[in-house]
């Protein structure tokens, strides 16, 4: 984090510049990042891998899926962007 912006580094070398409002650490090769009110997952080169437009919150990937929340409902999202509602 620098000047209130999030980015990613490998040791001391910046690999993705700090341009995000928030972010999570990389898990399973992807990191969740927030720009304004829009969540996305980026790869280790900083390329957007999954757009999470319309979701209010996301969690990092675990066992091939990430959990995302929209309008109080939870969803599992896989690396291809397929979404399924989770029953709680």
PDB file of N, CA and C in Angstrom:
ATOM      1  N   UNK A   1       0.850  -1.174   0.000  1.00  0.00           N
ATOM      2  CA  UNK A   1       0.000   0.000   0.000  1.00  0.00           C
ATOM      3  C   UNK A   1       0.897   1.238   0.000  1.00  0.00           C
ATOM      4  N   UNK A   2       0.557   2.163  -0.874  1.00  0.00           N
ATOM      5  CA  UNK A   2       1.329   3.406  -0.932  1.00  0.00           C
ATOM      6  C   UNK A   2       0.356   4.550  -1.206  1.00  0.00           C
ATOM      7  N   UNK A   3       0.415   5.565  -0.363  1.00  0.00           N
ATOM      8  CA  UNK A   3      -0.444   6.747  -0.501  1.00  0.00           C
ATOM      9  C   UNK A   3      -1.922   6.385  -0.589  1.00  0.00           C
ATOM     10  N   UNK A   4      -2.331   5.341   0.133  1.00  0.00           N
ATOM     11  CA  UNK A   4      -3.730   4.923   0.162  1.00  0.00           C
ATOM     12  C   UNK A   4      -4.145   4.003  -0.973  1.00  0.00           C
ATOM     13  N   UNK A   5      -3.219   3.648  -1.865  1.00  0.00           N
ATOM     14  CA  UNK A   5      -3.514   2.783  -3.003  1.00  0.00           C
ATOM     15  C   UNK A   5      -2.833   1.433  -2.808  1.00  0.00           C
ATOM     16  N   UNK A   6      -3.482   0.383  -3.311  1.00  0.00           N
ATOM     17  CA  UNK A   6      -2.959  -0.974  -3.189  1.00  0.00           C
ATOM     18  C   UNK A   6      -2.296  -1.427  -4.478  1.00  0.00           C
ATOM     19  N   UNK A   7      -1.197  -2.145  -4.332  1.00  0.00           N
ATOM     20  CA  UNK A   7      -0.512  -2.784  -5.440  1.00  0.00           C
ATOM     21  C   UNK A   7       0.147  -4.048  -4.909  1.00  0.00           C
ATOM     22  N   UNK A   8       1.016  -4.639  -5.694  1.00  0.00           N
ATOM     23  CA  UNK A   8       1.636  -5.895  -5.285  1.00  0.00           C
ATOM     24  C   UNK A   8       3.120  -5.844  -5.591  1.00  0.00           C
ATOM     25  N   UNK A   9       3.899  -6.467  -4.712  1.00  0.00           N
ATOM     26  CA  UNK A   9       5.342  -6.503  -4.898  1.00  0.00           C
ATOM     27  C   UNK A   9       5.868  -7.895  -4.599  1.00  0.00           C
ATOM     28  N   UNK A  10       7.039  -8.143  -5.131  1.00  0.00           N
ATOM     29  CA  UNK A  10       7.754  -9.385  -4.901  1.00  0.00           C
ATOM     30  C   UNK A  10       9.028  -8.979  -4.177  1.00  0.00           C
ATOM     31  N   UNK A  11       8.998  -9.067  -2.861  1.00  0.00           N
ATOM     32  CA  UNK A  11      10.114  -8.538  -2.082  1.00  0.00           C
ATOM     33  C   UNK A  11      10.073  -7.025  -2.137  1.00  0.00           C
ATOM     34  N   UNK A  12      11.097  -6.406  -2.700  1.00  0.00           N
ATOM     35  CA  UNK A  12      11.131  -4.945  -2.803  1.00  0.00           C
ATOM     36  C   UNK A  12      10.706  -4.460  -4.189  1.00  0.00           C
ATOM     37  N   UNK A  13      10.607  -5.376  -5.157  1.00  0.00           N
ATOM     38  CA  UNK A  13      10.269  -5.004  -6.537  1.00  0.00           C
ATOM     39  C   UNK A  13       8.747  -4.947  -6.716  1.00  0.00           C
ATOM     40  N   UNK A  14       8.249  -3.820  -7.202  1.00  0.00           N
ATOM     41  CA  UNK A  14       6.817  -3.672  -7.473  1.00  0.00           C
ATOM     42  C   UNK A  14       6.502  -4.411  -8.763  1.00  0.00           C
ATOM     43  N   UNK A  15       5.559  -5.363  -8.705  1.00  0.00           N
ATOM     44  CA  UNK A  15       5.186  -6.115  -9.897  1.00  0.00           C
ATOM     45  C   UNK A  15       3.836  -5.658 -10.457  1.00  0.00           C
ATOM     46  N   UNK A  16       2.985  -5.105  -9.611  1.00  0.00           N
ATOM     47  CA  UNK A  16       1.725  -4.496 -10.048  1.00  0.00           C
ATOM     48  C   UNK A  16       1.632  -3.157  -9.320  1.00  0.00           C
ATOM     49  N   UNK A  17       1.621  -2.055 -10.050  1.00  0.00           N
ATOM     50  CA  UNK A  17       1.626  -0.733  -9.415  1.00  0.00           C
ATOM     51  C   UNK A  17       0.422  -0.519  -8.497  1.00  0.00           C
ATOM     52  N   UNK A  18       0.573   0.329  -7.491  1.00  0.00           N
ATOM     53  CA  UNK A  18      -0.530   0.612  -6.566  1.00  0.00           C
ATOM     54  C   UNK A  18      -1.582   1.509  -7.215  1.00  0.00           C
ATOM     55  N   UNK A  19      -2.606   0.876  -7.784  1.00  0.00           N
ATOM     56  CA  UNK A  19      -3.679   1.603  -8.474  1.00  0.00           C
ATOM     57  C   UNK A  19      -5.067   1.203  -7.968  1.00  0.00           C
ATOM     58  N   UNK A  20      -5.127   0.320  -6.966  1.00  0.00           N
ATOM     59  CA  UNK A  20      -6.400  -0.217  -6.486  1.00  0.00           C
ATOM     60  C   UNK A  20      -6.793   0.392  -5.147  1.00  0.00           C
ATOM     61  N   UNK A  21      -8.104   0.487  -4.925  1.00  0.00           N
ATOM     62  CA  UNK A  21      -8.616   0.999  -3.653  1.00  0.00           C
ATOM     63  C   UNK A  21      -8.419  -0.002  -2.517  1.00  0.00           C
ATOM     64  N   UNK A  22      -8.432  -1.290  -2.840  1.00  0.00           N
ATOM     65  CA  UNK A  22      -8.230  -2.351  -1.846  1.00  0.00           C
ATOM     66  C   UNK A  22      -7.815  -3.608  -2.585  1.00  0.00           C
ATOM     67  N   UNK A  23      -7.317  -4.570  -1.837  1.00  0.00           N
ATOM     68  CA  UNK A  23      -6.926  -5.830  -2.455  1.00  0.00           C
ATOM     69  C   UNK A  23      -6.654  -6.898  -1.422  1.00  0.00           C
ATOM     70  N   UNK A  24      -6.664  -8.143  -1.879  1.00  0.00           N
ATOM     71  CA  UNK A  24      -6.318  -9.298  -1.061  1.00  0.00           C
ATOM     72  C   UNK A  24      -5.026  -9.894  -1.603  1.00  0.00           C
ATOM     73  N   UNK A  25      -4.342 -10.661  -0.796  1.00  0.00           N
ATOM     74  CA  UNK A  25      -3.142 -11.367  -1.244  1.00  0.00           C
ATOM     75  C   UNK A  25      -3.506 -12.369  -2.335  1.00  0.00           C
ATOM     76  N   UNK A  26      -2.503 -12.780  -3.098  1.00  0.00           N
ATOM     77  CA  UNK A  26      -2.706 -13.790  -4.121  1.00  0.00           C
ATOM     78  C   UNK A  26      -2.953 -15.147  -3.479  1.00  0.00           C
ATOM     79  N   UNK A  27      -3.957 -15.841  -3.983  1.00  0.00           N
ATOM     80  CA  UNK A  27      -4.211 -17.233  -3.637  1.00  0.00           C
ATOM     81  C   UNK A  27      -4.569 -17.939  -4.926  1.00  0.00           C
ATOM     82  N   UNK A  28      -3.996 -19.083  -5.130  1.00  0.00           N
ATOM     83  CA  UNK A  28      -4.246 -19.878  -6.337  1.00  0.00           C
ATOM     84  C   UNK A  28      -4.014 -19.068  -7.611  1.00  0.00           C
ATOM     85  N   UNK A  29      -3.030 -18.156  -7.558  1.00  0.00           N
ATOM     86  CA  UNK A  29      -2.623 -17.399  -8.733  1.00  0.00           C
ATOM     87  C   UNK A  29      -3.438 -16.160  -9.046  1.00  0.00           C
ATOM     88  N   UNK A  30      -4.436 -15.850  -8.213  1.00  0.00           N
ATOM     89  CA  UNK A  30      -5.278 -14.674  -8.437  1.00  0.00           C
ATOM     90  C   UNK A  30      -5.394 -13.847  -7.167  1.00  0.00           C
ATOM     91  N   UNK A  31      -5.581 -12.542  -7.346  1.00  0.00           N
ATOM     92  CA  UNK A  31      -5.802 -11.644  -6.212  1.00  0.00           C
ATOM     93  C   UNK A  31      -7.053 -10.821  -6.486  1.00  0.00           C
ATOM     94  N   UNK A  32      -7.888 -10.671  -5.477  1.00  0.00           N
ATOM     95  CA  UNK A  32      -9.069  -9.815  -5.594  1.00  0.00           C
ATOM     96  C   UNK A  32      -8.639  -8.370  -5.412  1.00  0.00           C
ATOM     97  N   UNK A  33      -9.144  -7.491  -6.289  1.00  0.00           N
ATOM     98  CA  UNK A  33      -8.830  -6.066  -6.202  1.00  0.00           C
ATOM     99  C   UNK A  33     -10.116  -5.260  -6.369  1.00  0.00           C
ATOM    100  N   UNK A  34     -10.134  -4.108  -5.731  1.00  0.00           N
ATOM    101  CA  UNK A  34     -11.289  -3.222  -5.773  1.00  0.00           C
ATOM    102  C   UNK A  34     -10.881  -1.902  -6.410  1.00  0.00           C
ATOM    103  N   UNK A  35     -11.659  -1.483  -7.409  1.00  0.00           N
ATOM    104  CA  UNK A  35     -11.488  -0.176  -8.037  1.00  0.00           C
ATOM    105  C   UNK A  35     -12.832   0.522  -7.963  1.00  0.00           C
ATOM    106  N   UNK A  36     -12.905   1.563  -7.161  1.00  0.00           N
ATOM    107  CA  UNK A  36     -14.208   2.197  -6.936  1.00  0.00           C
ATOM    108  C   UNK A  36     -15.117   1.221  -6.211  1.00  0.00           C
ATOM    109  N   UNK A  37     -16.211   0.836  -6.846  1.00  0.00           N
ATOM    110  CA  UNK A  37     -17.120  -0.155  -6.256  1.00  0.00           C
ATOM    111  C   UNK A  37     -17.101  -1.464  -7.029  1.00  0.00           C
ATOM    112  N   UNK A  38     -16.104  -1.646  -7.880  1.00  0.00           N
ATOM    113  CA  UNK A  38     -16.038  -2.805  -8.771  1.00  0.00           C
ATOM    114  C   UNK A  38     -14.915  -3.752  -8.350  1.00  0.00           C
ATOM    115  N   UNK A  39     -15.290  -4.997  -8.041  1.00  0.00           N
ATOM    116  CA  UNK A  39     -14.323  -6.030  -7.716  1.00  0.00           C
ATOM    117  C   UNK A  39     -13.896  -6.773  -8.969  1.00  0.00           C
ATOM    118  N   UNK A  40     -12.675  -7.256  -8.960  1.00  0.00           N
ATOM    119  CA  UNK A  40     -12.150  -8.107 -10.029  1.00  0.00           C
ATOM    120  C   UNK A  40     -11.060  -8.986  -9.427  1.00  0.00           C
ATOM    121  N   UNK A  41     -10.674 -10.016 -10.160  1.00  0.00           N
ATOM    122  CA  UNK A  41      -9.503 -10.815  -9.812  1.00  0.00           C
ATOM    123  C   UNK A  41      -8.467 -10.589 -10.889  1.00  0.00           C
ATOM    124  N   UNK A  42      -7.223 -10.337 -10.468  1.00  0.00           N
ATOM    125  CA  UNK A  42      -6.127 -10.144 -11.412  1.00  0.00           C
ATOM    126  C   UNK A  42      -5.131 -11.279 -11.268  1.00  0.00           C
ATOM    127  N   UNK A  43      -4.406 -11.551 -12.371  1.00  0.00           N
ATOM    128  CA  UNK A  43      -3.345 -12.550 -12.313  1.00  0.00           C
ATOM    129  C   UNK A  43      -2.047 -11.890 -11.857  1.00  0.00           C
ATOM    130  N   UNK A  44      -0.976 -12.659 -11.797  1.00  0.00           N
ATOM    131  CA  UNK A  44       0.283 -12.139 -11.249  1.00  0.00           C
ATOM    132  C   UNK A  44       0.947 -11.109 -12.161  1.00  0.00           C
ATOM    133  N   UNK A  45       0.456 -10.952 -13.381  1.00  0.00           N
ATOM    134  CA  UNK A  45       0.966  -9.913 -14.286  1.00  0.00           C
ATOM    135  C   UNK A  45       0.098  -8.658 -14.223  1.00  0.00           C
ATOM    136  N   UNK A  46      -0.964  -8.694 -13.411  1.00  0.00           N
ATOM    137  CA  UNK A  46      -1.846  -7.545 -13.274  1.00  0.00           C
ATOM    138  C   UNK A  46      -2.978  -7.515 -14.287  1.00  0.00           C
ATOM    139  N   UNK A  47      -3.106  -8.567 -15.093  1.00  0.00           N
ATOM    140  CA  UNK A  47      -4.203  -8.642 -16.069  1.00  0.00           C
ATOM    141  C   UNK A  47      -5.473  -9.102 -15.376  1.00  0.00           C
ATOM    142  N   UNK A  48      -6.586  -8.483 -15.747  1.00  0.00           N
ATOM    143  CA  UNK A  48      -7.861  -8.887 -15.160  1.00  0.00           C
ATOM    144  C   UNK A  48      -8.236 -10.269 -15.661  1.00  0.00           C
ATOM    145  N   UNK A  49      -8.432 -11.192 -14.724  1.00  0.00           N
ATOM    146  CA  UNK A  49      -8.789 -12.572 -15.057  1.00  0.00           C
ATOM    147  C   UNK A  49     -10.286 -12.799 -14.910  1.00  0.00           C
ATOM    148  N   UNK A  50     -10.906 -12.150 -13.933  1.00  0.00           N
ATOM    149  CA  UNK A  50     -12.345 -12.290 -13.687  1.00  0.00           C
ATOM    150  C   UNK A  50     -12.926 -10.950 -13.283  1.00  0.00           C
ATOM    151  N   UNK A  51     -13.965 -10.545 -13.962  1.00  0.00           N
ATOM    152  CA  UNK A  51     -14.702  -9.340 -13.590  1.00  0.00           C
ATOM    153  C   UNK A  51     -15.793  -9.741 -12.607  1.00  0.00           C
ATOM    154  N   UNK A  52     -15.857  -9.064 -11.490  1.00  0.00           N
ATOM    155  CA  UNK A  52     -16.865  -9.372 -10.474  1.00  0.00           C
ATOM    156  C   UNK A  52     -17.856  -8.218 -10.355  1.00  0.00           C
ATOM    157  N   UNK A  53     -18.162  -7.592 -11.484  1.00  0.00           N
ATOM    158  CA  UNK A  53     -19.105  -6.473 -11.562  1.00  0.00           C
ATOM    159  C   UNK A  53     -20.425  -6.852 -10.890  1.00  0.00           C
ATOM    160  N   UNK A  54     -20.924  -5.960 -10.055  1.00  0.00           N
ATOM    161  CA  UNK A  54     -22.207  -6.181  -9.398  1.00  0.00           C
ATOM    162  C   UNK A  54     -22.126  -6.893  -8.061  1.00  0.00           C
ATOM    163  N   UNK A  55     -20.955  -7.405  -7.703  1.00  0.00           N
ATOM    164  CA  UNK A  55     -20.808  -8.053  -6.404  1.00  0.00           C
ATOM    165  C   UNK A  55     -20.364  -7.029  -5.370  1.00  0.00           C
ATOM    166  N   UNK A  56     -20.885  -7.166  -4.165  1.00  0.00           N
ATOM    167  CA  UNK A  56     -20.593  -6.224  -3.083  1.00  0.00           C
ATOM    168  C   UNK A  56     -19.287  -6.544  -2.361  1.00  0.00           C
ATOM    169  N   UNK A  57     -18.912  -7.818  -2.344  1.00  0.00           N
ATOM    170  CA  UNK A  57     -17.705  -8.250  -1.637  1.00  0.00           C
ATOM    171  C   UNK A  57     -17.237  -9.570  -2.234  1.00  0.00           C
ATOM    172  N   UNK A  58     -15.963  -9.832  -2.128  1.00  0.00           N
ATOM    173  CA  UNK A  58     -15.391 -11.106  -2.561  1.00  0.00           C
ATOM    174  C   UNK A  58     -14.365 -11.566  -1.537  1.00  0.00           C
ATOM    175  N   UNK A  59     -14.109 -12.846  -1.528  1.00  0.00           N
ATOM    176  CA  UNK A  59     -13.075 -13.445  -0.690  1.00  0.00           C
ATOM    177  C   UNK A  59     -12.074 -14.138  -1.603  1.00  0.00           C
ATOM    178  N   UNK A  60     -10.856 -14.371  -1.134  1.00  0.00           N
ATOM    179  CA  UNK A  60      -9.839 -15.032  -1.961  1.00  0.00           C
ATOM    180  C   UNK A  60     -10.234 -16.458  -2.356  1.00  0.00           C
ATOM    181  N   UNK A  61      -9.577 -16.959  -3.392  1.00  0.00           N
ATOM    182  CA  UNK A  61      -9.806 -18.323  -3.855  1.00  0.00           C
ATOM    183  C   UNK A  61      -9.288 -19.329  -2.849  1.00  0.00           C
ATOM    184  N   UNK A  62     -10.055 -20.405  -2.689  1.00  0.00           N
ATOM    185  CA  UNK A  62      -9.680 -21.554  -1.865  1.00  0.00           C
ATOM    186  C   UNK A  62     -10.277 -22.779  -2.549  1.00  0.00           C
ATOM    187  N   UNK A  63      -9.467 -23.780  -2.778  1.00  0.00           N
ATOM    188  CA  UNK A  63      -9.944 -25.022  -3.398  1.00  0.00           C
ATOM    189  C   UNK A  63     -10.683 -24.779  -4.709  1.00  0.00           C
ATOM    190  N   UNK A  64     -10.167 -23.861  -5.522  1.00  0.00           N
ATOM    191  CA  UNK A  64     -10.706 -23.631  -6.851  1.00  0.00           C
ATOM    192  C   UNK A  64     -11.886 -22.694  -6.954  1.00  0.00           C
ATOM    193  N   UNK A  65     -12.366 -22.163  -5.824  1.00  0.00           N
ATOM    194  CA  UNK A  65     -13.506 -21.239  -5.850  1.00  0.00           C
ATOM    195  C   UNK A  65     -13.271 -20.064  -4.909  1.00  0.00           C
ATOM    196  N   UNK A  66     -13.910 -18.953  -5.252  1.00  0.00           N
ATOM    197  CA  UNK A  66     -13.938 -17.791  -4.371  1.00  0.00           C
ATOM    198  C   UNK A  66     -15.393 -17.595  -3.947  1.00  0.00           C
ATOM    199  N   UNK A  67     -15.588 -17.012  -2.796  1.00  0.00           N
ATOM    200  CA  UNK A  67     -16.936 -16.678  -2.340  1.00  0.00           C
ATOM    201  C   UNK A  67     -17.160 -15.201  -2.611  1.00  0.00           C
ATOM    202  N   UNK A  68     -18.324 -14.903  -3.196  1.00  0.00           N
ATOM    203  CA  UNK A  68     -18.690 -13.524  -3.503  1.00  0.00           C
ATOM    204  C   UNK A  68     -20.078 -13.255  -2.935  1.00  0.00           C
ATOM    205  N   UNK A  69     -20.335 -11.997  -2.598  1.00  0.00           N
ATOM    206  CA  UNK A  69     -21.632 -11.635  -2.022  1.00  0.00           C
ATOM    207  C   UNK A  69     -22.283 -10.551  -2.863  1.00  0.00           C
ATOM    208  N   UNK A  70     -23.591 -10.733  -3.074  1.00  0.00           N
ATOM    209  CA  UNK A  70     -24.377  -9.743  -3.804  1.00  0.00           C
ATOM    210  C   UNK A  70     -25.770  -9.708  -3.178  1.00  0.00           C
ATOM    211  N   UNK A  71     -26.195  -8.522  -2.772  1.00  0.00           N
ATOM    212  CA  UNK A  71     -27.533  -8.328  -2.187  1.00  0.00           C
ATOM    213  C   UNK A  71     -27.816  -9.287  -1.043  1.00  0.00           C
ATOM    214  N   UNK A  72     -26.814  -9.537  -0.210  1.00  0.00           N
ATOM    215  CA  UNK A  72     -26.987 -10.379   0.962  1.00  0.00           C
ATOM    216  C   UNK A  72     -26.935 -11.875   0.692  1.00  0.00           C
ATOM    217  N   UNK A  73     -26.752 -12.287  -0.559  1.00  0.00           N
ATOM    218  CA  UNK A  73     -26.642 -13.711  -0.909  1.00  0.00           C
ATOM    219  C   UNK A  73     -25.194 -14.038  -1.225  1.00  0.00           C
ATOM    220  N   UNK A  74     -24.809 -15.263  -0.889  1.00  0.00           N
ATOM    221  CA  UNK A  74     -23.434 -15.709  -1.138  1.00  0.00           C
ATOM    222  C   UNK A  74     -23.392 -16.646  -2.336  1.00  0.00           C
ATOM    223  N   UNK A  75     -22.302 -16.523  -3.107  1.00  0.00           N
ATOM    224  CA  UNK A  75     -22.124 -17.305  -4.315  1.00  0.00           C
ATOM    225  C   UNK A  75     -20.714 -17.872  -4.353  1.00  0.00           C
ATOM    226  N   UNK A  76     -20.558 -19.040  -4.969  1.00  0.00           N
ATOM    227  CA  UNK A  76     -19.243 -19.602  -5.270  1.00  0.00           C
ATOM    228  C   UNK A  76     -18.934 -19.254  -6.714  1.00  0.00           C
ATOM    229  N   UNK A  77     -17.715 -18.799  -6.960  1.00  0.00           N
ATOM    230  CA  UNK A  77     -17.272 -18.425  -8.299  1.00  0.00           C
ATOM    231  C   UNK A  77     -16.015 -19.221  -8.610  1.00  0.00           C
ATOM    232  N   UNK A  78     -16.012 -19.928  -9.758  1.00  0.00           N
ATOM    233  CA  UNK A  78     -14.806 -20.672 -10.113  1.00  0.00           C
ATOM    234  C   UNK A  78     -13.898 -19.817 -11.002  1.00  0.00           C
ATOM    235  N   UNK A  79     -12.769 -20.356 -11.374  1.00  0.00           N
ATOM    236  CA  UNK A  79     -11.765 -19.598 -12.142  1.00  0.00           C
ATOM    237  C   UNK A  79     -12.240 -19.246 -13.549  1.00  0.00           C
ATOM    238  N   UNK A  80     -13.259 -19.917 -14.028  1.00  0.00           N
ATOM    239  CA  UNK A  80     -13.833 -19.593 -15.338  1.00  0.00           C
ATOM    240  C   UNK A  80     -14.918 -18.526 -15.235  1.00  0.00           C
ATOM    241  N   UNK A  81     -15.252 -18.137 -13.996  1.00  0.00           N
ATOM    242  CA  UNK A  81     -16.278 -17.124 -13.799  1.00  0.00           C
ATOM    243  C   UNK A  81     -17.679 -17.688 -13.658  1.00  0.00           C
ATOM    244  N   UNK A  82     -17.795 -19.007 -13.585  1.00  0.00           N
ATOM    245  CA  UNK A  82     -19.107 -19.623 -13.380  1.00  0.00           C
ATOM    246  C   UNK A  82     -19.540 -19.384 -11.941  1.00  0.00           C
ATOM    247  N   UNK A  83     -20.786 -18.978 -11.779  1.00  0.00           N
ATOM    248  CA  UNK A  83     -21.322 -18.580 -10.471  1.00  0.00           C
ATOM    249  C   UNK A  83     -22.458 -19.519 -10.084  1.00  0.00           C
ATOM    250  N   UNK A  84     -22.437 -19.966  -8.822  1.00  0.00           N
ATOM    251  CA  UNK A  84     -23.561 -20.745  -8.299  1.00  0.00           C
ATOM    252  C   UNK A  84     -23.883 -20.254  -6.899  1.00  0.00           C
ATOM    253  N   UNK A  85     -25.158 -20.168  -6.612  1.00  0.00           N
ATOM    254  CA  UNK A  85     -25.611 -19.683  -5.313  1.00  0.00           C
ATOM    255  C   UNK A  85     -25.307 -20.717  -4.244  1.00  0.00           C
ATOM    256  N   UNK A  86     -24.846 -20.227  -3.101  1.00  0.00           N
ATOM    257  CA  UNK A  86     -24.563 -21.104  -1.960  1.00  0.00           C
ATOM    258  C   UNK A  86     -25.763 -21.102  -1.023  1.00  0.00           C
ATOM    259  N   UNK A  87     -26.161 -22.276  -0.608  1.00  0.00           N
ATOM    260  CA  UNK A  87     -27.234 -22.395   0.384  1.00  0.00           C
ATOM    261  C   UNK A  87     -26.604 -22.333   1.759  1.00  0.00           C
ATOM    262  N   UNK A  88     -27.153 -21.490   2.586  1.00  0.00           N
ATOM    263  CA  UNK A  88     -26.580 -21.329   3.934  1.00  0.00           C
ATOM    264  C   UNK A  88     -27.526 -21.907   4.952  1.00  0.00           C
TER     265      UNK A  88
END
